[in-house]
N, C-alpha and C. Protein backbone atom coordinates (compact mmCIF):
# COMPACT_ATOMS: atom_id res chain seq x y z
N UNK A 1 -20.33 -9.12 63.68
CA UNK A 1 -19.43 -7.99 63.44
C UNK A 1 -18.93 -7.38 64.76
N UNK A 2 -19.81 -7.31 65.77
CA UNK A 2 -19.42 -6.72 67.05
C UNK A 2 -18.38 -7.57 67.76
N UNK A 3 -18.43 -8.89 67.54
CA UNK A 3 -17.52 -9.79 68.25
C UNK A 3 -16.26 -10.11 67.46
N UNK A 4 -16.17 -9.60 66.24
CA UNK A 4 -14.96 -9.84 65.44
C UNK A 4 -13.78 -9.11 66.05
N UNK A 5 -12.60 -9.55 65.71
CA UNK A 5 -11.38 -8.91 66.18
C UNK A 5 -10.49 -8.59 64.97
N UNK A 6 -10.41 -7.33 64.54
CA UNK A 6 -11.02 -6.15 65.15
C UNK A 6 -12.52 -6.07 64.85
N UNK A 7 -13.21 -5.22 65.58
CA UNK A 7 -14.66 -5.04 65.41
C UNK A 7 -14.95 -4.53 64.00
N UNK A 8 -15.92 -5.14 63.36
CA UNK A 8 -16.28 -4.77 61.99
C UNK A 8 -17.49 -3.83 62.01
N UNK A 9 -17.31 -2.67 62.59
CA UNK A 9 -18.41 -1.72 62.72
C UNK A 9 -18.90 -1.22 61.37
N UNK A 10 -17.99 -0.85 60.50
CA UNK A 10 -18.39 -0.33 59.19
C UNK A 10 -19.17 -1.37 58.41
N UNK A 11 -18.73 -2.61 58.47
CA UNK A 11 -19.43 -3.69 57.77
C UNK A 11 -20.83 -3.88 58.35
N UNK A 12 -20.96 -3.78 59.67
CA UNK A 12 -22.27 -3.93 60.31
C UNK A 12 -23.25 -2.88 59.78
N UNK A 13 -22.79 -1.65 59.66
CA UNK A 13 -23.67 -0.59 59.17
C UNK A 13 -23.95 -0.73 57.68
N UNK A 14 -22.99 -1.25 56.92
CA UNK A 14 -23.23 -1.49 55.50
C UNK A 14 -24.33 -2.54 55.30
N UNK A 15 -24.24 -3.60 56.09
CA UNK A 15 -25.26 -4.65 56.02
C UNK A 15 -26.63 -4.08 56.40
N UNK A 16 -26.63 -3.27 57.45
CA UNK A 16 -27.89 -2.66 57.90
C UNK A 16 -28.48 -1.76 56.81
N UNK A 17 -27.66 -0.90 56.24
CA UNK A 17 -28.14 0.02 55.22
C UNK A 17 -28.65 -0.72 53.99
N UNK A 18 -28.03 -1.82 53.68
CA UNK A 18 -28.41 -2.59 52.50
C UNK A 18 -29.72 -3.33 52.70
N UNK A 19 -29.97 -3.79 53.94
CA UNK A 19 -31.10 -4.68 54.13
C UNK A 19 -32.27 -4.15 54.91
N UNK A 20 -32.09 -2.98 55.59
CA UNK A 20 -33.13 -2.53 56.52
C UNK A 20 -34.07 -1.52 55.90
N UNK A 21 -35.25 -1.41 56.49
CA UNK A 21 -36.21 -0.39 56.10
C UNK A 21 -36.17 0.74 57.11
N UNK A 22 -36.59 1.91 56.68
CA UNK A 22 -36.64 3.09 57.54
C UNK A 22 -37.93 3.83 57.26
N UNK A 23 -38.29 4.74 58.17
CA UNK A 23 -39.51 5.52 57.97
C UNK A 23 -39.32 6.55 56.86
N UNK A 24 -38.07 6.86 56.53
CA UNK A 24 -37.80 7.79 55.45
C UNK A 24 -37.90 7.10 54.10
N UNK A 25 -38.00 7.88 53.03
CA UNK A 25 -38.05 7.35 51.66
C UNK A 25 -39.17 6.33 51.49
N UNK A 26 -40.37 6.72 51.93
CA UNK A 26 -41.54 5.85 51.85
C UNK A 26 -41.36 4.54 52.59
N UNK A 27 -40.60 4.61 53.69
CA UNK A 27 -40.45 3.44 54.53
C UNK A 27 -39.42 2.45 54.07
N UNK A 28 -38.61 2.85 53.07
CA UNK A 28 -37.64 1.88 52.55
C UNK A 28 -36.24 2.45 52.52
N UNK A 29 -35.32 1.63 52.91
CA UNK A 29 -33.89 1.96 52.82
C UNK A 29 -33.19 0.64 52.53
N UNK A 30 -33.24 0.22 51.29
CA UNK A 30 -32.74 -1.11 50.93
C UNK A 30 -33.88 -2.06 50.73
N UNK A 31 -34.85 -2.08 51.65
CA UNK A 31 -36.14 -2.66 51.42
C UNK A 31 -36.38 -4.12 51.71
N UNK A 32 -35.42 -4.88 52.22
CA UNK A 32 -35.66 -6.31 52.37
C UNK A 32 -36.00 -6.73 53.79
N UNK A 33 -35.50 -5.99 54.77
CA UNK A 33 -35.73 -6.36 56.16
C UNK A 33 -36.33 -5.20 56.94
N UNK A 34 -37.06 -5.52 57.97
CA UNK A 34 -37.59 -4.49 58.85
C UNK A 34 -36.85 -4.59 60.17
N UNK A 35 -36.05 -3.57 60.53
CA UNK A 35 -35.21 -3.68 61.73
C UNK A 35 -36.03 -3.70 63.00
N UNK A 36 -35.53 -4.41 64.00
CA UNK A 36 -36.18 -4.44 65.30
C UNK A 36 -35.16 -4.06 66.37
N UNK A 37 -35.55 -4.19 67.62
CA UNK A 37 -34.68 -3.76 68.70
C UNK A 37 -33.39 -4.58 68.76
N UNK A 38 -33.45 -5.83 68.31
CA UNK A 38 -32.24 -6.67 68.30
C UNK A 38 -31.27 -6.19 67.23
N UNK A 39 -31.81 -5.73 66.10
CA UNK A 39 -30.96 -5.18 65.03
C UNK A 39 -30.14 -4.01 65.58
N UNK A 40 -30.82 -3.08 66.24
CA UNK A 40 -30.13 -1.89 66.73
C UNK A 40 -29.24 -2.22 67.92
N UNK A 41 -29.63 -3.22 68.70
CA UNK A 41 -28.76 -3.65 69.79
C UNK A 41 -27.43 -4.15 69.25
N UNK A 42 -27.48 -4.89 68.14
CA UNK A 42 -26.25 -5.41 67.53
C UNK A 42 -25.40 -4.28 66.95
N UNK A 43 -26.04 -3.32 66.28
CA UNK A 43 -25.29 -2.18 65.73
C UNK A 43 -24.63 -1.39 66.85
N UNK A 44 -25.37 -1.16 67.91
CA UNK A 44 -24.82 -0.39 69.03
C UNK A 44 -23.71 -1.15 69.74
N UNK A 45 -23.79 -2.48 69.76
CA UNK A 45 -22.72 -3.27 70.37
C UNK A 45 -21.41 -3.08 69.61
N UNK A 46 -21.50 -2.98 68.29
CA UNK A 46 -20.29 -2.74 67.50
C UNK A 46 -19.73 -1.35 67.79
N UNK A 47 -20.61 -0.36 67.96
CA UNK A 47 -20.16 0.99 68.32
C UNK A 47 -19.50 0.98 69.70
N UNK A 48 -20.14 0.28 70.64
CA UNK A 48 -19.63 0.25 72.01
C UNK A 48 -18.25 -0.39 72.07
N UNK A 49 -18.10 -1.51 71.39
CA UNK A 49 -16.79 -2.20 71.43
C UNK A 49 -15.69 -1.37 70.78
N UNK A 50 -16.08 -0.49 69.87
CA UNK A 50 -15.11 0.40 69.22
C UNK A 50 -14.92 1.70 70.00
N UNK A 51 -15.74 1.90 71.04
CA UNK A 51 -15.68 3.16 71.77
C UNK A 51 -16.17 4.33 70.94
N UNK A 52 -17.01 4.04 69.95
CA UNK A 52 -17.51 5.08 69.04
C UNK A 52 -18.79 5.67 69.60
N UNK A 53 -18.65 6.59 70.52
CA UNK A 53 -19.80 7.17 71.20
C UNK A 53 -20.60 8.06 70.26
N UNK A 54 -19.96 8.69 69.30
CA UNK A 54 -20.67 9.58 68.37
C UNK A 54 -21.69 8.81 67.54
N UNK A 55 -21.28 7.67 66.99
CA UNK A 55 -22.20 6.86 66.19
C UNK A 55 -23.29 6.26 67.06
N UNK A 56 -22.93 5.84 68.27
CA UNK A 56 -23.91 5.26 69.18
C UNK A 56 -24.98 6.29 69.54
N UNK A 57 -24.55 7.51 69.84
CA UNK A 57 -25.50 8.57 70.19
C UNK A 57 -26.38 8.93 69.00
N UNK A 58 -25.80 9.01 67.83
CA UNK A 58 -26.58 9.34 66.63
C UNK A 58 -27.69 8.32 66.42
N UNK A 59 -27.36 7.06 66.56
CA UNK A 59 -28.34 6.00 66.39
C UNK A 59 -29.42 6.05 67.48
N UNK A 60 -28.99 6.31 68.72
CA UNK A 60 -29.96 6.42 69.81
C UNK A 60 -30.92 7.57 69.56
N UNK A 61 -30.40 8.72 69.13
CA UNK A 61 -31.26 9.88 68.87
C UNK A 61 -32.26 9.59 67.76
N UNK A 62 -31.84 8.83 66.75
CA UNK A 62 -32.77 8.46 65.69
C UNK A 62 -33.90 7.59 66.23
N UNK A 63 -33.55 6.67 67.12
CA UNK A 63 -34.57 5.81 67.72
C UNK A 63 -35.51 6.62 68.62
N UNK A 64 -34.94 7.50 69.42
CA UNK A 64 -35.76 8.32 70.31
C UNK A 64 -36.64 9.29 69.53
N UNK A 65 -36.14 9.73 68.37
CA UNK A 65 -36.86 10.70 67.57
C UNK A 65 -37.91 10.11 66.65
N UNK A 66 -38.04 8.79 66.64
CA UNK A 66 -39.09 8.16 65.85
C UNK A 66 -38.72 7.86 64.41
N UNK A 67 -37.42 7.88 64.09
CA UNK A 67 -37.02 7.53 62.72
C UNK A 67 -37.39 6.09 62.38
N UNK A 68 -37.46 5.26 63.40
CA UNK A 68 -37.89 3.87 63.23
C UNK A 68 -39.05 3.64 64.19
N UNK A 69 -40.26 3.99 63.78
CA UNK A 69 -41.41 4.03 64.70
C UNK A 69 -41.78 2.69 65.31
N UNK A 70 -41.34 1.59 64.71
CA UNK A 70 -41.66 0.28 65.28
C UNK A 70 -40.68 -0.15 66.36
N UNK A 71 -39.66 0.66 66.60
CA UNK A 71 -38.61 0.30 67.56
C UNK A 71 -38.55 1.33 68.68
N UNK A 72 -38.73 0.88 69.90
CA UNK A 72 -38.62 1.74 71.09
C UNK A 72 -37.38 1.35 71.86
N UNK A 73 -36.49 2.31 72.16
CA UNK A 73 -35.28 1.98 72.92
C UNK A 73 -35.63 1.31 74.25
N UNK A 74 -34.96 0.20 74.54
CA UNK A 74 -35.21 -0.53 75.80
C UNK A 74 -33.96 -0.49 76.66
N UNK A 75 -33.97 -1.28 77.73
CA UNK A 75 -32.84 -1.25 78.65
C UNK A 75 -31.54 -1.71 78.01
N UNK A 76 -31.62 -2.65 77.07
CA UNK A 76 -30.42 -3.12 76.38
C UNK A 76 -29.82 -2.01 75.52
N UNK A 77 -30.68 -1.30 74.81
CA UNK A 77 -30.22 -0.20 73.95
C UNK A 77 -29.48 0.85 74.79
N UNK A 78 -30.13 1.32 75.85
CA UNK A 78 -29.51 2.35 76.67
C UNK A 78 -28.24 1.84 77.37
N UNK A 79 -28.27 0.63 77.86
CA UNK A 79 -27.09 0.08 78.54
C UNK A 79 -25.90 -0.02 77.60
N UNK A 80 -26.17 -0.38 76.35
CA UNK A 80 -25.09 -0.52 75.37
C UNK A 80 -24.48 0.83 75.03
N UNK A 81 -25.31 1.86 74.91
CA UNK A 81 -24.78 3.20 74.63
C UNK A 81 -23.95 3.69 75.82
N UNK A 82 -24.40 3.40 77.03
CA UNK A 82 -23.61 3.78 78.21
C UNK A 82 -22.27 3.04 78.20
N UNK A 83 -22.28 1.79 77.75
CA UNK A 83 -21.02 1.03 77.65
C UNK A 83 -20.04 1.68 76.68
N UNK A 84 -20.58 2.32 75.64
CA UNK A 84 -19.72 3.02 74.69
C UNK A 84 -18.97 4.17 75.38
N UNK A 85 -19.60 4.76 76.39
CA UNK A 85 -18.93 5.82 77.15
C UNK A 85 -17.70 5.30 77.87
N UNK A 86 -17.79 4.06 78.37
CA UNK A 86 -16.65 3.45 79.07
C UNK A 86 -15.49 3.23 78.11
N UNK A 87 -15.77 2.75 76.92
CA UNK A 87 -14.71 2.39 75.97
C UNK A 87 -14.20 3.58 75.16
N UNK A 88 -14.88 4.72 75.30
CA UNK A 88 -14.42 5.93 74.64
C UNK A 88 -13.06 6.34 75.20
N UNK A 89 -12.29 7.05 74.41
CA UNK A 89 -10.97 7.49 74.86
C UNK A 89 -10.90 9.03 74.78
N UNK A 90 -10.98 9.71 75.93
CA UNK A 90 -11.06 9.18 77.30
C UNK A 90 -12.49 8.75 77.64
N UNK A 91 -12.66 8.01 78.74
CA UNK A 91 -14.01 7.61 79.15
C UNK A 91 -14.88 8.84 79.41
N UNK A 92 -16.15 8.76 78.98
CA UNK A 92 -17.07 9.91 79.10
C UNK A 92 -18.01 9.73 80.29
N UNK A 93 -17.51 10.03 81.47
CA UNK A 93 -18.31 9.88 82.67
C UNK A 93 -19.51 10.81 82.65
N UNK A 94 -19.30 12.05 82.22
CA UNK A 94 -20.39 13.03 82.17
C UNK A 94 -21.52 12.56 81.28
N UNK A 95 -21.18 12.01 80.14
CA UNK A 95 -22.19 11.54 79.20
C UNK A 95 -22.88 10.28 79.71
N UNK A 96 -22.10 9.40 80.36
CA UNK A 96 -22.70 8.19 80.94
C UNK A 96 -23.77 8.55 81.97
N UNK A 97 -23.49 9.56 82.80
CA UNK A 97 -24.47 10.00 83.80
C UNK A 97 -25.69 10.64 83.15
N UNK A 98 -25.46 11.42 82.11
CA UNK A 98 -26.59 12.03 81.40
C UNK A 98 -27.50 10.96 80.81
N UNK A 99 -26.89 9.97 80.16
CA UNK A 99 -27.66 8.87 79.58
C UNK A 99 -28.37 8.06 80.67
N UNK A 100 -27.69 7.85 81.79
CA UNK A 100 -28.28 7.09 82.89
C UNK A 100 -29.54 7.78 83.41
N UNK A 101 -29.46 9.09 83.59
CA UNK A 101 -30.63 9.84 84.07
C UNK A 101 -31.74 9.83 83.04
N UNK A 102 -31.39 10.07 81.78
CA UNK A 102 -32.41 10.08 80.73
C UNK A 102 -33.09 8.73 80.60
N UNK A 103 -32.30 7.66 80.66
CA UNK A 103 -32.86 6.31 80.53
C UNK A 103 -33.74 5.97 81.73
N UNK A 104 -33.34 6.42 82.92
CA UNK A 104 -34.14 6.16 84.12
C UNK A 104 -35.53 6.78 83.97
N UNK A 105 -35.59 7.99 83.45
CA UNK A 105 -36.87 8.65 83.23
C UNK A 105 -37.66 7.95 82.13
N UNK A 106 -37.00 7.72 80.99
CA UNK A 106 -37.70 7.15 79.83
C UNK A 106 -38.26 5.76 80.11
N UNK A 107 -37.47 4.92 80.77
CA UNK A 107 -37.89 3.53 80.97
C UNK A 107 -38.77 3.36 82.19
N UNK A 108 -38.66 4.28 83.16
CA UNK A 108 -39.55 4.20 84.32
C UNK A 108 -40.99 4.50 83.92
N UNK A 109 -41.17 5.30 82.88
CA UNK A 109 -42.51 5.69 82.45
C UNK A 109 -43.00 4.89 81.25
N UNK A 110 -42.22 3.89 80.82
CA UNK A 110 -42.57 3.12 79.64
C UNK A 110 -43.32 1.85 80.03
N UNK A 111 -44.49 1.67 79.44
CA UNK A 111 -45.28 0.47 79.74
C UNK A 111 -44.65 -0.78 79.16
N UNK A 112 -43.82 -0.62 78.13
CA UNK A 112 -43.19 -1.78 77.50
C UNK A 112 -41.87 -2.16 78.16
N UNK A 113 -41.39 -1.32 79.10
CA UNK A 113 -40.17 -1.61 79.85
C UNK A 113 -40.45 -1.47 81.33
N UNK A 114 -41.30 -2.36 81.83
CA UNK A 114 -41.82 -2.22 83.18
C UNK A 114 -40.73 -2.28 84.25
N UNK A 115 -39.60 -2.89 83.95
CA UNK A 115 -38.55 -3.03 84.95
C UNK A 115 -37.58 -1.87 84.99
N UNK A 116 -37.80 -0.84 84.18
CA UNK A 116 -36.87 0.28 84.16
C UNK A 116 -35.57 -0.09 83.47
N UNK A 117 -34.55 0.70 83.72
CA UNK A 117 -33.27 0.50 83.05
C UNK A 117 -32.61 -0.82 83.42
N UNK A 118 -32.68 -1.20 84.66
CA UNK A 118 -32.03 -2.44 85.08
C UNK A 118 -30.62 -2.22 85.54
N UNK A 119 -30.11 -3.17 86.28
CA UNK A 119 -28.82 -3.00 86.94
C UNK A 119 -27.67 -2.99 85.94
N UNK A 120 -27.83 -3.61 84.78
CA UNK A 120 -26.74 -3.66 83.80
C UNK A 120 -26.37 -2.25 83.35
N UNK A 121 -27.36 -1.41 83.12
CA UNK A 121 -27.09 -0.03 82.71
C UNK A 121 -26.35 0.75 83.79
N UNK A 122 -26.75 0.55 85.03
CA UNK A 122 -26.07 1.23 86.14
C UNK A 122 -24.64 0.71 86.29
N UNK A 123 -24.46 -0.58 86.11
CA UNK A 123 -23.11 -1.14 86.19
C UNK A 123 -22.22 -0.59 85.08
N UNK A 124 -22.81 -0.36 83.90
CA UNK A 124 -22.04 0.21 82.80
C UNK A 124 -21.57 1.62 83.13
N UNK A 125 -22.45 2.40 83.78
CA UNK A 125 -22.06 3.75 84.19
C UNK A 125 -20.94 3.70 85.23
N UNK A 126 -21.06 2.78 86.19
CA UNK A 126 -20.03 2.65 87.22
C UNK A 126 -18.71 2.17 86.59
N UNK A 127 -18.79 1.31 85.59
CA UNK A 127 -17.59 0.86 84.88
C UNK A 127 -16.89 2.04 84.21
N UNK A 128 -17.69 2.96 83.68
CA UNK A 128 -17.11 4.16 83.06
C UNK A 128 -16.36 4.97 84.12
N UNK A 129 -16.94 5.10 85.29
CA UNK A 129 -16.28 5.81 86.39
C UNK A 129 -15.00 5.08 86.81
N UNK A 130 -15.07 3.76 86.86
CA UNK A 130 -13.90 2.97 87.26
C UNK A 130 -12.76 3.17 86.28
N UNK A 131 -13.08 3.14 84.99
CA UNK A 131 -12.03 3.30 83.98
C UNK A 131 -11.44 4.70 84.00
N UNK A 132 -12.25 5.67 84.44
CA UNK A 132 -11.76 7.05 84.55
C UNK A 132 -11.14 7.33 85.91
N UNK A 133 -11.04 6.29 86.76
CA UNK A 133 -10.48 6.42 88.11
C UNK A 133 -11.26 7.41 88.96
N UNK A 134 -12.57 7.47 88.75
CA UNK A 134 -13.43 8.35 89.53
C UNK A 134 -14.13 7.53 90.62
N UNK A 135 -13.34 7.10 91.61
CA UNK A 135 -13.88 6.19 92.61
C UNK A 135 -14.92 6.88 93.51
N UNK A 136 -14.75 8.18 93.77
CA UNK A 136 -15.73 8.87 94.62
C UNK A 136 -17.12 8.85 93.97
N UNK A 137 -17.16 9.08 92.67
CA UNK A 137 -18.44 9.08 91.96
C UNK A 137 -19.04 7.68 91.95
N UNK A 138 -18.20 6.68 91.79
CA UNK A 138 -18.69 5.29 91.80
C UNK A 138 -19.32 4.95 93.14
N UNK A 139 -18.67 5.37 94.22
CA UNK A 139 -19.21 5.11 95.56
C UNK A 139 -20.51 5.87 95.77
N UNK A 140 -20.56 7.11 95.31
CA UNK A 140 -21.78 7.91 95.45
C UNK A 140 -22.95 7.27 94.72
N UNK A 141 -22.72 6.80 93.51
CA UNK A 141 -23.80 6.19 92.75
C UNK A 141 -24.27 4.91 93.42
N UNK A 142 -23.34 4.13 93.94
CA UNK A 142 -23.71 2.93 94.70
C UNK A 142 -24.58 3.31 95.90
N UNK A 143 -24.18 4.35 96.64
CA UNK A 143 -24.96 4.81 97.79
C UNK A 143 -26.38 5.18 97.37
N UNK A 144 -26.49 5.89 96.26
CA UNK A 144 -27.81 6.33 95.81
C UNK A 144 -28.69 5.14 95.41
N UNK A 145 -28.08 4.14 94.79
CA UNK A 145 -28.83 2.94 94.44
C UNK A 145 -29.35 2.24 95.69
N UNK A 146 -28.47 2.09 96.69
CA UNK A 146 -28.85 1.39 97.92
C UNK A 146 -29.95 2.15 98.66
N UNK A 147 -29.76 3.43 98.81
CA UNK A 147 -30.72 4.20 99.59
C UNK A 147 -32.05 4.36 98.87
N UNK A 148 -32.01 4.45 97.54
CA UNK A 148 -33.27 4.50 96.81
C UNK A 148 -34.02 3.19 96.95
N UNK A 149 -33.31 2.08 96.91
CA UNK A 149 -33.97 0.78 97.03
C UNK A 149 -34.58 0.61 98.42
N UNK A 150 -34.06 1.36 99.39
CA UNK A 150 -34.62 1.34 100.74
C UNK A 150 -35.62 2.47 100.96
N UNK A 151 -35.99 3.18 99.89
CA UNK A 151 -36.92 4.32 99.97
C UNK A 151 -36.47 5.32 101.03
N UNK A 152 -35.18 5.64 100.98
CA UNK A 152 -34.62 6.50 102.02
C UNK A 152 -33.81 7.63 101.39
N UNK A 153 -34.43 8.37 100.47
CA UNK A 153 -33.71 9.42 99.76
C UNK A 153 -33.36 10.58 100.67
N UNK A 154 -34.14 10.81 101.73
CA UNK A 154 -33.79 11.91 102.64
C UNK A 154 -32.44 11.66 103.30
N UNK A 155 -32.15 10.39 103.59
CA UNK A 155 -30.86 10.05 104.20
C UNK A 155 -29.72 10.36 103.25
N UNK A 156 -29.91 10.06 101.98
CA UNK A 156 -28.81 10.29 101.05
C UNK A 156 -28.62 11.77 100.78
N UNK A 157 -29.70 12.55 100.80
CA UNK A 157 -29.55 14.00 100.64
C UNK A 157 -28.74 14.56 101.83
N UNK A 158 -29.03 14.06 103.00
CA UNK A 158 -28.29 14.50 104.18
C UNK A 158 -26.84 14.04 104.10
N UNK A 159 -26.63 12.83 103.62
CA UNK A 159 -25.29 12.24 103.53
C UNK A 159 -24.41 13.05 102.58
N UNK A 160 -24.98 13.46 101.45
CA UNK A 160 -24.19 14.18 100.46
C UNK A 160 -24.22 15.70 100.67
N UNK A 161 -24.97 16.16 101.65
CA UNK A 161 -25.00 17.58 101.95
C UNK A 161 -25.54 18.39 100.79
N UNK A 162 -24.74 19.38 100.37
CA UNK A 162 -25.18 20.30 99.32
C UNK A 162 -24.91 19.76 97.92
N UNK A 163 -24.25 18.62 97.81
CA UNK A 163 -23.96 18.07 96.49
C UNK A 163 -25.24 17.62 95.79
N UNK A 164 -25.30 17.87 94.50
CA UNK A 164 -26.43 17.40 93.73
C UNK A 164 -26.31 15.90 93.53
N UNK A 165 -27.43 15.21 93.58
CA UNK A 165 -27.40 13.77 93.36
C UNK A 165 -26.89 13.46 91.96
N UNK A 166 -26.11 12.39 91.84
CA UNK A 166 -25.72 11.93 90.50
C UNK A 166 -26.96 11.51 89.72
N UNK A 167 -27.89 10.85 90.40
CA UNK A 167 -29.20 10.55 89.82
C UNK A 167 -30.11 11.74 90.11
N UNK A 168 -29.84 12.84 89.41
CA UNK A 168 -30.53 14.08 89.74
C UNK A 168 -32.03 14.02 89.46
N UNK A 169 -32.48 13.03 88.65
CA UNK A 169 -33.92 12.89 88.42
C UNK A 169 -34.65 12.45 89.69
N UNK A 170 -33.90 11.99 90.69
CA UNK A 170 -34.50 11.59 91.95
C UNK A 170 -34.52 12.74 92.96
N UNK A 171 -33.87 13.84 92.62
CA UNK A 171 -33.71 14.94 93.57
C UNK A 171 -34.98 15.77 93.61
N UNK A 172 -36.01 15.15 94.19
CA UNK A 172 -37.34 15.75 94.25
C UNK A 172 -37.95 15.33 95.57
N UNK A 173 -38.45 16.28 96.34
CA UNK A 173 -39.04 15.94 97.63
C UNK A 173 -40.40 15.28 97.50
N UNK A 174 -40.96 15.29 96.26
CA UNK A 174 -42.26 14.67 96.05
C UNK A 174 -42.14 13.16 96.13
N UNK A 175 -42.98 12.49 96.93
CA UNK A 175 -42.91 11.03 97.05
C UNK A 175 -43.10 10.32 95.72
N UNK A 176 -43.78 10.96 94.76
CA UNK A 176 -44.05 10.29 93.49
C UNK A 176 -42.79 10.05 92.69
N UNK A 177 -41.69 10.73 93.06
CA UNK A 177 -40.46 10.54 92.31
C UNK A 177 -39.70 9.30 92.73
N UNK A 178 -40.09 8.70 93.90
CA UNK A 178 -39.31 7.53 94.32
C UNK A 178 -40.08 6.54 95.17
N UNK A 179 -41.30 6.83 95.53
CA UNK A 179 -42.03 5.93 96.43
C UNK A 179 -42.42 4.64 95.74
N UNK A 180 -42.67 3.62 96.52
CA UNK A 180 -42.97 2.29 96.01
C UNK A 180 -44.27 2.28 95.21
N UNK A 181 -44.17 1.67 94.00
CA UNK A 181 -45.34 1.23 93.29
C UNK A 181 -46.36 2.26 92.87
N UNK A 182 -46.02 3.54 92.87
CA UNK A 182 -47.00 4.54 92.48
C UNK A 182 -46.64 5.14 91.13
N UNK A 183 -47.63 5.65 90.44
CA UNK A 183 -47.39 6.26 89.15
C UNK A 183 -46.41 7.41 89.30
N UNK A 184 -45.47 7.52 88.36
CA UNK A 184 -44.46 8.56 88.43
C UNK A 184 -43.19 8.12 89.13
N UNK A 185 -43.13 6.90 89.61
CA UNK A 185 -41.95 6.39 90.30
C UNK A 185 -40.76 6.30 89.36
N UNK A 186 -39.60 6.73 89.84
CA UNK A 186 -38.36 6.51 89.12
C UNK A 186 -37.80 5.17 89.57
N UNK A 187 -37.69 4.25 88.66
CA UNK A 187 -37.25 2.89 89.00
C UNK A 187 -35.73 2.82 89.00
N UNK A 188 -35.18 2.47 90.14
CA UNK A 188 -33.73 2.29 90.28
C UNK A 188 -33.50 0.89 90.82
N UNK A 189 -32.66 0.09 90.16
CA UNK A 189 -32.46 -1.29 90.61
C UNK A 189 -31.59 -1.38 91.86
N UNK A 190 -31.73 -2.49 92.55
CA UNK A 190 -30.81 -2.78 93.64
C UNK A 190 -29.46 -3.19 93.07
N UNK A 191 -28.38 -2.79 93.70
CA UNK A 191 -27.06 -3.22 93.22
C UNK A 191 -26.89 -4.73 93.35
N UNK A 192 -26.14 -5.31 92.42
CA UNK A 192 -25.86 -6.74 92.49
C UNK A 192 -24.37 -6.96 92.76
N UNK A 193 -23.93 -8.20 92.66
CA UNK A 193 -22.52 -8.51 92.95
C UNK A 193 -21.58 -7.76 91.99
N UNK A 194 -22.00 -7.64 90.73
CA UNK A 194 -21.17 -6.94 89.75
C UNK A 194 -21.03 -5.46 90.13
N UNK A 195 -22.11 -4.87 90.62
CA UNK A 195 -22.06 -3.47 91.03
C UNK A 195 -21.00 -3.26 92.10
N UNK A 196 -21.05 -4.07 93.13
CA UNK A 196 -20.08 -3.92 94.22
C UNK A 196 -18.66 -4.19 93.73
N UNK A 197 -18.51 -5.21 92.90
CA UNK A 197 -17.18 -5.53 92.37
C UNK A 197 -16.61 -4.41 91.52
N UNK A 198 -17.46 -3.75 90.74
CA UNK A 198 -17.00 -2.67 89.88
C UNK A 198 -16.63 -1.44 90.69
N UNK A 199 -17.37 -1.17 91.76
CA UNK A 199 -17.01 -0.06 92.64
C UNK A 199 -15.66 -0.33 93.30
N UNK A 200 -15.44 -1.57 93.74
CA UNK A 200 -14.14 -1.92 94.33
C UNK A 200 -13.02 -1.77 93.30
N UNK A 201 -13.31 -2.13 92.04
CA UNK A 201 -12.31 -1.97 90.99
C UNK A 201 -11.99 -0.49 90.77
N UNK A 202 -13.00 0.38 90.89
CA UNK A 202 -12.77 1.81 90.76
C UNK A 202 -11.84 2.31 91.86
N UNK A 203 -12.05 1.81 93.08
CA UNK A 203 -11.16 2.18 94.19
C UNK A 203 -9.74 1.69 93.94
N UNK A 204 -9.64 0.48 93.44
CA UNK A 204 -8.31 -0.10 93.18
C UNK A 204 -7.55 0.71 92.13
N UNK A 205 -8.24 1.06 91.04
CA UNK A 205 -7.57 1.76 89.94
C UNK A 205 -7.10 3.15 90.34
N UNK A 206 -7.79 3.75 91.28
CA UNK A 206 -7.44 5.12 91.67
C UNK A 206 -6.67 5.17 92.98
N UNK A 207 -6.40 3.99 93.57
CA UNK A 207 -5.69 3.95 94.84
C UNK A 207 -6.53 4.39 96.03
N UNK A 208 -7.86 4.38 95.84
CA UNK A 208 -8.74 4.84 96.92
C UNK A 208 -9.16 3.72 97.85
N UNK A 209 -8.22 3.11 98.52
CA UNK A 209 -8.52 1.99 99.43
C UNK A 209 -8.77 2.50 100.83
């Protein structure tokens, strides 16, 4: 349904409602299938391709709130919801950043998601900035990723002066918020080729060469 042209979002949710179980109504909502993280990833993909951020957020909140206790949001879930921000009209940069920070905290402390959010989620946020022609924000987020990966947050605080970090969950002088390998670390991935390419695309779209 997510890959159909046009996207068959309504059909995807109808199939889900007909076949999936939920913690409500004695654990049944249709009663034949028990949804897993792949089920919700597919539903969210249909929302993202439609730019339907409202439905994507509603589903994410249900997952975070324990409506489906057997399913814990992972990096794919969060990355897909952030992608919905890019395809929204207009692009929701503010919401993409909020989700990025929330996911960084949630997945950095999750034993089942040891790698944190991952670079795909960060690239999705930068893509949202690119589509909104917010090249300065895209460059700032890239800087924060690079400097965090080098354990050099003091440099980035100095670089940005009085501006609050886009990754504001890292804006803590305590080493536990960013130091290597210790409990409480906020996991931020190193940028990859896609990250750099997307930042360059943001500059191109806004004329910031």
